[in-house]
Amino acid sequence: MTAASPRERAAVLRSLRAKTAPLLGIGHIRVGRDREVRALERDLDRVVDGGSTARFVIGEPGSGTTFFLNLVRGLALDRRMVVLRADLTADRSPLATTEGARSLYTELARSAATPARQDGGALAAVVERFASTAVTVARERGRDPERVIRERAARLEELPGGGGFAEAVAAYWRGHHTGDGLLAVDALRWLRGECPPARARAALGLRATLDDVPLTDRVKLLARFTTMAGYRGLLVCLDELDTLAAAPDRAAEHEGVRRIVEDSLGGGSPHLAHLFAGTPSALTDPRYGLHTCEALRTALPAAGDDLFGPVVRLRALEGEEFTRLLVAVRDVHAGGGRGALPDEALREFARHCADQLGADCAGRSRAVLRAFLDLLSAAEDEPGDWAPLVRAVRVDAEQPAPRAVA
């Protein structure tokens, strides 16, 4: 692999210092997970070919589930797919309620990433790509561009909410074409689920908003639209699956997940992949886990290592694999130059952390990597004998909730 670009290097180091999983440049610090990556690559290839899939990445805290989610995100972008990503939270977890569904959909729509806009905010670019293709065809045939846009968008009308979505796309192009920036903004807000009903009627002539459409159908709508715009599929990443435990109506939440699983595994969502991440408790806890739903207990087995099934189990990197991760981080930190520490120092650092943290070391990988970056900086400032620097390392106890940093 080529060296990380300055932008990728900055993103990786900034994320690791914040004890989060990076979005950009994540491939430069990928270690292991070869079987799991190959399984997800097969999934993505099926989606590109018109299929659908749903996967659950399950691991103990510190095992790298968020990192793996972001890694698959990069693989999807490499395949010219569009990627949506959100952390489930108290405000965004209720798949079955209007407010929660609106908040979650808006977060997903705002996060839209494309190969050219990997840091998100790309929904407008997707709309513009769809419209520009239609405009090119209209000019070649001497036809009205807006009429061609509407004709092409008519395919969306087969889906719930598709008629309004098509109207909003046409309104966005009209505002963009005529210089009516407010119209374009209102149309984009409608597409992101942010336009209040009164504003939708006044600005766009639309009586309905996406609030009237179930969340699963909104995502299907986006999947079809992205392929119509020339992309090869849609990946939806949902992290922090354990948050569903706090939902007021967990049974309704689990029913929403069940519909996604059955629809995806049954092939009912063309060009669409869902990827969830959480801890084993999110599946198996007898009070709030997904397995309290009989259908999900059958579909999502708690044990086994079958990568052809919907559950991918991750273990924390240990031993030589973790040392290889330290080597990768050191090389990114060096920016293509010579690393501040030799491999021997990295192995000694890993042993030092294991002695300090004991059995808790595997679950504290974010804190360990933050301490390692501090060690690299100290070694740059004080080149020479690295042993005292390693012995002085103290890994802090704080382990914040993971959030992606671009």
Protein backbone atom coordinates (compact mmCIF):
# COMPACT_ATOMS: atom_id res chain seq x y z
CA MET A 1 0.00 0.00 0.00
CA THR A 2 1.18 3.51 -0.80
CA ALA A 3 2.00 5.90 2.02
CA ALA A 4 -0.87 7.85 3.57
CA SER A 5 -1.54 11.24 2.02
CA PRO A 6 -1.13 14.29 4.30
CA ARG A 7 -4.92 14.51 4.64
CA GLU A 8 -5.26 10.82 5.49
CA ARG A 9 -2.35 11.02 7.93
CA ALA A 10 -3.92 13.98 9.73
CA ALA A 11 -7.31 12.23 9.91
CA VAL A 12 -5.86 8.99 11.31
CA LEU A 13 -3.70 10.70 13.93
CA ARG A 14 -6.45 13.13 14.95
CA SER A 15 -8.93 10.29 15.36
CA LEU A 16 -6.60 8.04 17.36
CA ARG A 17 -5.66 10.92 19.67
CA ALA A 18 -9.38 11.47 20.26
CA LYS A 19 -9.69 7.71 20.91
CA THR A 20 -12.06 7.22 17.97
CA ALA A 21 -12.01 5.16 14.79
CA PRO A 22 -10.92 7.17 11.72
CA LEU A 23 -13.02 7.47 8.59
CA LEU A 24 -10.30 8.60 6.19
CA GLY A 25 -7.08 6.64 5.73
CA ILE A 26 -8.31 3.71 7.78
CA GLY A 27 -6.83 1.19 5.36
CA HIS A 28 -3.32 2.30 6.33
CA ILE A 29 -3.75 0.88 9.84
CA ARG A 30 -5.76 -2.21 8.95
CA VAL A 31 -4.33 -5.34 10.57
CA GLY A 32 -5.75 -8.85 10.40
CA ARG A 33 -9.50 -9.46 9.91
CA ASP A 34 -8.75 -11.01 6.51
CA ARG A 35 -11.58 -13.57 6.67
CA GLU A 36 -14.08 -11.02 7.88
CA VAL A 37 -13.06 -8.49 5.25
CA ARG A 38 -13.38 -11.05 2.47
CA ALA A 39 -16.88 -11.94 3.68
CA LEU A 40 -17.97 -8.30 3.63
CA GLU A 41 -16.36 -7.76 0.24
CA ARG A 42 -18.51 -10.61 -1.09
CA ASP A 43 -21.55 -8.89 0.39
CA LEU A 44 -20.70 -5.59 -1.25
CA ASP A 45 -20.11 -7.26 -4.61
CA ARG A 46 -23.58 -8.85 -4.39
CA VAL A 47 -25.09 -5.45 -3.66
CA VAL A 48 -23.30 -3.94 -6.65
CA ASP A 49 -24.85 -6.74 -8.74
CA GLY A 50 -28.33 -5.80 -7.49
CA GLY A 51 -28.60 -7.88 -4.33
CA SER A 52 -29.16 -6.90 -0.71
CA THR A 53 -27.68 -7.92 2.63
CA ALA A 54 -27.71 -7.24 6.37
CA ARG A 55 -24.80 -7.93 8.71
CA PHE A 56 -24.27 -7.55 12.46
CA VAL A 57 -20.69 -6.91 13.60
CA ILE A 58 -20.52 -8.08 17.20
CA GLY A 59 -17.61 -7.78 19.61
CA GLU A 60 -16.69 -6.89 23.17
CA PRO A 61 -15.72 -3.25 23.89
CA GLY A 62 -12.27 -2.62 22.45
CA SER A 63 -12.54 -5.37 19.83
CA GLY A 64 -12.73 -2.90 16.96
CA THR A 65 -16.36 -3.04 15.81
CA THR A 66 -16.48 0.68 15.00
CA PHE A 67 -13.11 0.44 13.26
CA PHE A 68 -14.41 -2.49 11.20
CA LEU A 69 -17.57 -0.55 10.29
CA ASN A 70 -15.44 2.31 9.00
CA LEU A 71 -13.17 -0.11 7.14
CA VAL A 72 -16.16 -1.60 5.28
CA ARG A 73 -17.34 1.93 4.58
CA GLY A 74 -14.07 2.53 2.74
CA LEU A 75 -14.44 -0.72 0.79
CA ALA A 76 -17.92 0.39 -0.33
CA LEU A 77 -16.63 3.77 -1.47
CA ASP A 78 -13.90 1.98 -3.44
CA ARG A 79 -16.75 0.25 -5.29
CA ARG A 80 -18.40 3.57 -6.16
CA MET A 81 -21.21 3.07 -3.69
CA VAL A 82 -22.84 5.76 -1.55
CA VAL A 83 -22.47 5.27 2.23
CA LEU A 84 -24.69 6.53 5.04
CA ARG A 85 -23.54 6.27 8.64
CA ALA A 86 -24.98 7.10 12.06
CA ASP A 87 -24.53 6.18 15.70
CA LEU A 88 -27.76 5.08 17.33
CA THR A 89 -28.43 7.33 20.33
CA ALA A 90 -31.28 8.11 22.69
CA ASP A 91 -32.53 10.62 20.09
CA ARG A 92 -31.90 8.45 17.06
CA SER A 93 -32.59 4.89 18.17
CA PRO A 94 -36.39 4.56 17.94
CA LEU A 95 -36.87 3.10 14.48
CA ALA A 96 -40.57 2.78 15.20
CA THR A 97 -41.39 6.37 16.33
CA THR A 98 -41.87 9.45 14.18
CA GLU A 99 -39.42 11.70 16.04
CA GLY A 100 -36.71 9.06 16.33
CA ALA A 101 -37.09 7.96 12.72
CA ARG A 102 -36.89 11.57 11.52
CA SER A 103 -33.75 12.24 13.55
CA LEU A 104 -32.06 9.03 12.43
CA TYR A 105 -32.95 9.51 8.76
CA THR A 106 -31.72 13.11 8.82
CA GLU A 107 -28.43 12.06 10.39
CA LEU A 108 -28.01 9.34 7.77
CA ALA A 109 -28.85 11.69 4.91
CA ARG A 110 -26.44 14.33 6.19
CA SER A 111 -23.67 11.74 6.45
CA ALA A 112 -23.98 10.66 2.79
CA ALA A 113 -20.50 9.98 1.41
CA THR A 114 -19.40 9.28 -2.15
CA PRO A 115 -15.99 8.40 -3.57
CA ALA A 116 -15.46 12.10 -4.36
CA ARG A 117 -16.90 13.36 -1.04
CA GLN A 118 -15.74 10.82 1.52
CA ASP A 119 -16.17 13.11 4.50
CA GLY A 120 -19.97 13.27 4.09
CA GLY A 121 -22.45 15.95 3.12
CA ALA A 122 -22.71 14.52 -0.40
CA LEU A 123 -26.48 14.21 -0.87
CA ALA A 124 -26.59 17.42 -2.91
CA ALA A 125 -23.81 16.06 -5.12
CA VAL A 126 -25.82 12.87 -5.70
CA VAL A 127 -28.87 14.94 -6.75
CA GLU A 128 -26.73 17.10 -9.01
CA ARG A 129 -25.19 14.03 -10.66
CA PHE A 130 -28.65 12.62 -11.35
CA ALA A 131 -29.87 15.95 -12.75
CA SER A 132 -26.76 16.65 -14.84
CA THR A 133 -27.08 13.27 -16.58
CA ALA A 134 -30.70 14.03 -17.41
CA VAL A 135 -29.81 17.54 -18.62
CA THR A 136 -27.15 16.13 -20.94
CA VAL A 137 -29.70 13.74 -22.47
CA ALA A 138 -32.22 16.58 -22.81
CA ARG A 139 -29.76 18.78 -24.67
CA GLU A 140 -28.74 15.98 -27.00
CA ARG A 141 -32.40 15.38 -27.89
CA GLY A 142 -33.52 19.01 -27.87
CA ARG A 143 -35.95 18.48 -25.00
CA ASP A 144 -36.87 20.41 -21.86
CA PRO A 145 -34.41 19.39 -19.07
CA GLU A 146 -36.95 19.51 -16.27
CA ARG A 147 -39.33 17.26 -18.21
CA VAL A 148 -36.54 14.71 -18.71
CA ILE A 149 -35.63 14.90 -15.01
CA ARG A 150 -39.25 14.22 -14.08
CA GLU A 151 -39.50 11.33 -16.53
CA ARG A 152 -36.37 9.72 -15.16
CA ALA A 153 -37.42 10.30 -11.56
CA ALA A 154 -40.80 8.69 -12.26
CA ARG A 155 -39.25 5.29 -11.42
CA LEU A 156 -39.19 6.45 -7.81
CA GLU A 157 -42.98 6.73 -7.74
CA GLU A 158 -43.25 2.94 -7.45
CA LEU A 159 -41.95 3.25 -3.87
CA PRO A 160 -43.66 4.84 -0.84
CA GLY A 161 -42.81 8.55 -0.81
CA GLY A 162 -41.33 8.34 -4.29
CA GLY A 163 -43.66 10.88 -5.83
CA GLY A 164 -42.69 13.60 -3.37
CA PHE A 165 -39.02 12.62 -3.64
CA ALA A 166 -39.15 13.03 -7.43
CA GLU A 167 -40.81 16.44 -7.07
CA ALA A 168 -38.15 17.58 -4.61
CA VAL A 169 -35.37 16.46 -6.96
CA ALA A 170 -36.95 18.45 -9.80
CA ALA A 171 -37.36 21.47 -7.51
CA TYR A 172 -33.71 21.27 -6.48
CA TRP A 173 -32.60 21.35 -10.11
CA ARG A 174 -35.00 24.21 -10.91
CA GLY A 175 -33.68 26.27 -8.02
CA HIS A 176 -30.08 25.47 -8.93
CA HIS A 177 -30.69 26.25 -12.63
CA THR A 178 -32.59 29.52 -12.11
CA GLY A 179 -30.41 30.84 -9.30
CA ASP A 180 -33.20 30.47 -6.73
CA GLY A 181 -30.95 29.34 -3.91
CA LEU A 182 -33.76 29.25 -1.33
CA LEU A 183 -35.78 26.83 -3.47
CA ALA A 184 -32.75 24.55 -3.84
CA VAL A 185 -32.15 24.66 -0.07
CA ASP A 186 -35.79 23.85 0.71
CA ALA A 187 -35.74 20.94 -1.74
CA LEU A 188 -32.56 19.54 -0.20
CA ARG A 189 -34.03 19.92 3.29
CA TRP A 190 -37.10 17.95 2.14
CA LEU A 191 -34.86 15.19 0.78
CA ARG A 192 -33.01 15.08 4.13
CA GLY A 193 -36.26 14.90 6.09
CA GLU A 194 -35.78 18.37 7.60
CA CYS A 195 -38.53 20.38 5.87
CA PRO A 196 -41.61 21.08 8.04
CA PRO A 197 -44.97 20.32 6.37
CA ALA A 198 -45.99 23.99 6.18
CA ARG A 199 -42.73 24.93 4.48
CA ALA A 200 -43.00 21.95 2.11
CA ARG A 201 -46.43 23.17 0.98
CA ALA A 202 -45.42 26.82 0.66
CA ALA A 203 -42.03 26.36 -1.04
CA LEU A 204 -42.39 23.10 -2.95
CA GLY A 205 -46.13 22.55 -3.30
CA LEU A 206 -45.80 19.22 -1.50
CA ARG A 207 -48.47 18.22 1.00
CA ALA A 208 -46.48 15.29 2.38
CA THR A 209 -43.04 14.93 3.90
CA LEU A 210 -40.88 11.88 4.44
CA ASP A 211 -42.25 11.66 7.99
CA ASP A 212 -45.22 9.88 6.40
CA VAL A 213 -42.93 7.12 5.06
CA PRO A 214 -41.50 4.30 7.24
CA LEU A 215 -37.75 4.62 7.77
CA THR A 216 -37.01 1.35 5.99
CA ASP A 217 -38.85 2.61 2.90
CA ARG A 218 -37.00 5.93 2.98
CA VAL A 219 -33.70 4.06 2.87
CA LYS A 220 -34.93 1.90 -0.02
CA LEU A 221 -35.88 5.12 -1.81
CA LEU A 222 -32.35 6.45 -1.36
CA ALA A 223 -30.89 3.15 -2.56
CA ARG A 224 -32.85 3.31 -5.80
CA PHE A 225 -32.09 6.99 -6.32
CA THR A 226 -28.35 6.56 -5.83
CA THR A 227 -28.23 3.83 -8.47
CA MET A 228 -30.29 6.01 -10.82
CA ALA A 229 -27.67 8.72 -10.28
CA GLY A 230 -24.95 6.36 -11.49
CA TYR A 231 -23.62 4.92 -8.22
CA ARG A 232 -23.46 1.18 -7.69
CA GLY A 233 -25.40 0.77 -4.45
CA LEU A 234 -26.03 2.06 -0.94
CA LEU A 235 -24.44 0.96 2.34
CA VAL A 236 -26.10 1.99 5.62
CA CYS A 237 -23.90 1.69 8.74
CA LEU A 238 -25.56 1.84 12.16
CA ASP A 239 -23.27 1.73 15.19
CA GLU A 240 -24.03 1.47 18.93
CA LEU A 241 -26.73 -1.19 18.53
CA ASP A 242 -26.82 -1.53 22.34
CA THR A 243 -28.65 1.81 22.46
CA LEU A 244 -31.86 -0.02 21.61
CA ALA A 245 -31.88 -1.16 25.24
CA ALA A 246 -32.98 2.36 26.23
CA ALA A 247 -35.84 2.53 23.72
CA PRO A 248 -39.28 3.07 25.30
CA ASP A 249 -40.75 0.28 23.17
CA ARG A 250 -38.03 -2.28 22.58
CA ALA A 251 -40.45 -4.74 21.02
CA ALA A 252 -41.28 -2.21 18.30
CA GLU A 253 -37.58 -1.49 17.78
CA HIS A 254 -36.81 -5.16 17.43
CA GLU A 255 -39.67 -5.53 14.99
CA GLY A 256 -38.12 -2.76 12.89
CA VAL A 257 -34.77 -4.58 12.89
CA ARG A 258 -36.52 -7.83 12.01
CA ARG A 259 -38.12 -6.23 8.95
CA ILE A 260 -34.73 -4.96 7.79
CA VAL A 261 -33.13 -8.38 8.27
CA GLU A 262 -35.85 -10.35 6.54
CA ASP A 263 -36.18 -7.86 3.70
CA SER A 264 -32.43 -7.69 3.13
CA LEU A 265 -31.68 -11.39 3.39
CA GLY A 266 -34.70 -12.17 1.24
CA GLY A 267 -33.48 -9.94 -1.57
CA GLY A 268 -36.25 -7.38 -1.23
CA SER A 269 -33.98 -4.31 -1.13
CA PRO A 270 -32.00 -4.13 -4.41
CA HIS A 271 -28.58 -2.45 -4.25
CA LEU A 272 -28.84 -2.01 -0.47
CA ALA A 273 -26.67 -3.23 2.43
CA HIS A 274 -27.22 -2.68 6.16
CA LEU A 275 -24.34 -3.03 8.62
CA PHE A 276 -25.01 -2.91 12.37
CA ALA A 277 -22.41 -2.94 15.16
CA GLY A 278 -22.72 -3.65 18.85
CA THR A 279 -21.61 -5.84 21.76
CA PRO A 280 -22.74 -9.44 22.42
CA SER A 281 -25.28 -8.09 24.92
CA ALA A 282 -27.06 -6.31 22.08
CA LEU A 283 -27.87 -9.75 20.76
CA THR A 284 -28.20 -12.05 23.74
CA ASP A 285 -29.09 -10.07 26.88
CA PRO A 286 -32.26 -11.76 28.20
CA ARG A 287 -33.85 -8.41 29.11
CA TYR A 288 -33.19 -6.21 26.08
CA GLY A 289 -31.18 -8.12 23.47
CA LEU A 290 -32.42 -8.71 19.94
CA HIS A 291 -32.85 -12.36 20.85
CA THR A 292 -35.90 -11.45 22.93
CA CYS A 293 -37.53 -11.42 19.48
CA GLU A 294 -37.99 -15.06 18.46
CA ALA A 295 -37.50 -14.35 14.75
CA LEU A 296 -34.22 -12.51 15.39
CA ARG A 297 -32.96 -15.26 17.70
CA THR A 298 -33.43 -17.68 14.82
CA ALA A 299 -31.93 -15.38 12.17
CA LEU A 300 -28.97 -14.15 14.25
CA PRO A 301 -27.27 -17.10 15.98
CA ALA A 302 -25.41 -16.35 19.21
CA ALA A 303 -22.59 -18.83 18.67
CA GLY A 304 -20.46 -20.16 15.87
CA ASP A 305 -18.02 -18.72 13.40
CA ASP A 306 -20.01 -18.98 10.16
CA LEU A 307 -19.10 -15.95 8.07
CA PHE A 308 -21.78 -16.92 5.56
CA GLY A 309 -24.39 -16.04 8.20
CA PRO A 310 -25.46 -12.50 9.11
CA VAL A 311 -23.38 -12.24 12.33
CA VAL A 312 -19.66 -11.37 12.19
CA ARG A 313 -17.88 -11.81 15.51
CA LEU A 314 -14.73 -9.83 16.20
CA ARG A 315 -12.14 -10.47 18.86
CA ALA A 316 -9.68 -7.87 20.10
CA LEU A 317 -6.27 -7.80 18.46
CA GLU A 318 -3.65 -9.39 20.69
CA GLY A 319 -0.02 -10.48 20.61
CA GLU A 320 1.69 -10.21 17.25
CA GLU A 321 -1.39 -8.72 15.56
CA PHE A 322 -1.46 -5.84 18.02
CA THR A 323 2.26 -5.26 17.48
CA ARG A 324 1.61 -5.09 13.72
CA LEU A 325 -1.03 -2.44 14.44
CA LEU A 326 1.56 -0.43 16.37
CA VAL A 327 3.94 -0.72 13.40
CA ALA A 328 1.23 0.59 11.06
CA VAL A 329 0.43 3.52 13.36
CA ARG A 330 4.14 4.33 13.71
CA ASP A 331 4.54 4.38 9.92
CA VAL A 332 1.56 6.71 9.47
CA HIS A 333 2.91 8.95 12.24
CA ALA A 334 6.28 9.07 10.45
CA GLY A 335 4.60 10.34 7.28
CA GLY A 336 6.70 8.20 4.97
CA GLY A 337 9.95 8.87 6.83
CA ARG A 338 11.82 6.80 9.37
CA GLY A 339 9.81 5.93 12.46
CA ALA A 340 10.78 7.40 15.80
CA LEU A 341 10.99 3.96 17.44
CA PRO A 342 12.39 0.58 16.30
CA ASP A 343 10.26 -2.57 16.23
CA GLU A 344 11.88 -3.75 19.44
CA ALA A 345 10.56 -0.68 21.25
CA LEU A 346 7.05 -1.41 19.95
CA ARG A 347 7.13 -4.94 21.31
CA GLU A 348 8.37 -3.64 24.65
CA PHE A 349 5.58 -1.05 24.69
CA ALA A 350 2.98 -3.80 24.09
CA ARG A 351 4.45 -5.86 26.96
CA HIS A 352 4.51 -2.80 29.22
CA CYS A 353 0.82 -2.08 28.57
CA ALA A 354 -0.11 -5.72 29.13
CA ASP A 355 1.74 -5.69 32.47
CA GLN A 356 0.08 -2.42 33.48
CA LEU A 357 -3.48 -3.24 32.43
CA GLY A 358 -3.56 -7.02 32.74
CA ALA A 359 -6.66 -8.71 31.36
CA ASP A 360 -8.20 -5.29 30.68
CA CYS A 361 -5.59 -4.46 28.02
CA ALA A 362 -7.56 -5.88 25.07
CA GLY A 363 -10.60 -3.80 25.93
CA ARG A 364 -8.62 -0.58 26.26
CA SER A 365 -7.16 -0.40 22.75
CA ARG A 366 -8.21 3.22 22.20
CA ALA A 367 -6.48 4.40 25.35
CA VAL A 368 -3.40 2.29 24.53
CA LEU A 369 -3.14 3.78 21.03
CA ARG A 370 -3.48 7.30 22.44
CA ALA A 371 -0.64 6.54 24.85
CA PHE A 372 1.40 5.13 21.97
CA LEU A 373 1.04 8.35 19.97
CA ASP A 374 2.23 10.29 23.02
CA LEU A 375 5.21 7.93 23.19
CA LEU A 376 6.04 8.52 19.51
CA SER A 377 5.94 12.27 20.04
CA ALA A 378 8.18 11.98 23.08
CA ALA A 379 10.64 9.82 21.12
CA GLU A 380 10.82 12.48 18.41
CA ASP A 381 11.57 15.14 21.03
CA GLU A 382 14.10 12.98 22.87
CA PRO A 383 15.80 10.68 20.34
CA GLY A 384 18.17 8.06 21.63
CA ASP A 385 17.44 5.67 24.48
CA TRP A 386 13.76 4.77 24.20
CA ALA A 387 13.56 2.36 27.17
CA PRO A 388 12.96 5.05 29.86
CA LEU A 389 10.23 6.58 27.69
CA VAL A 390 8.42 3.25 27.43
CA ARG A 391 8.68 2.61 31.17
CA ALA A 392 7.18 6.04 31.85
CA VAL A 393 4.00 5.34 29.85
CA ARG A 394 0.78 5.36 31.84
CA VAL A 395 -2.45 4.41 30.09
CA ASP A 396 -5.37 6.49 31.35
CA ALA A 397 -8.55 4.86 32.61
CA GLU A 398 -11.01 6.88 30.56
CA GLN A 399 -12.64 5.05 27.64
CA PRO A 400 -15.05 7.41 25.86
CA ALA A 401 -17.85 6.25 23.60
CA PRO A 402 -16.58 5.86 20.03
CA ARG A 403 -17.54 8.50 17.47
CA ALA A 404 -16.19 8.73 13.95
CA VAL A 405 -13.90 11.59 13.03
CA ALA A 406 -13.26 12.43 9.39
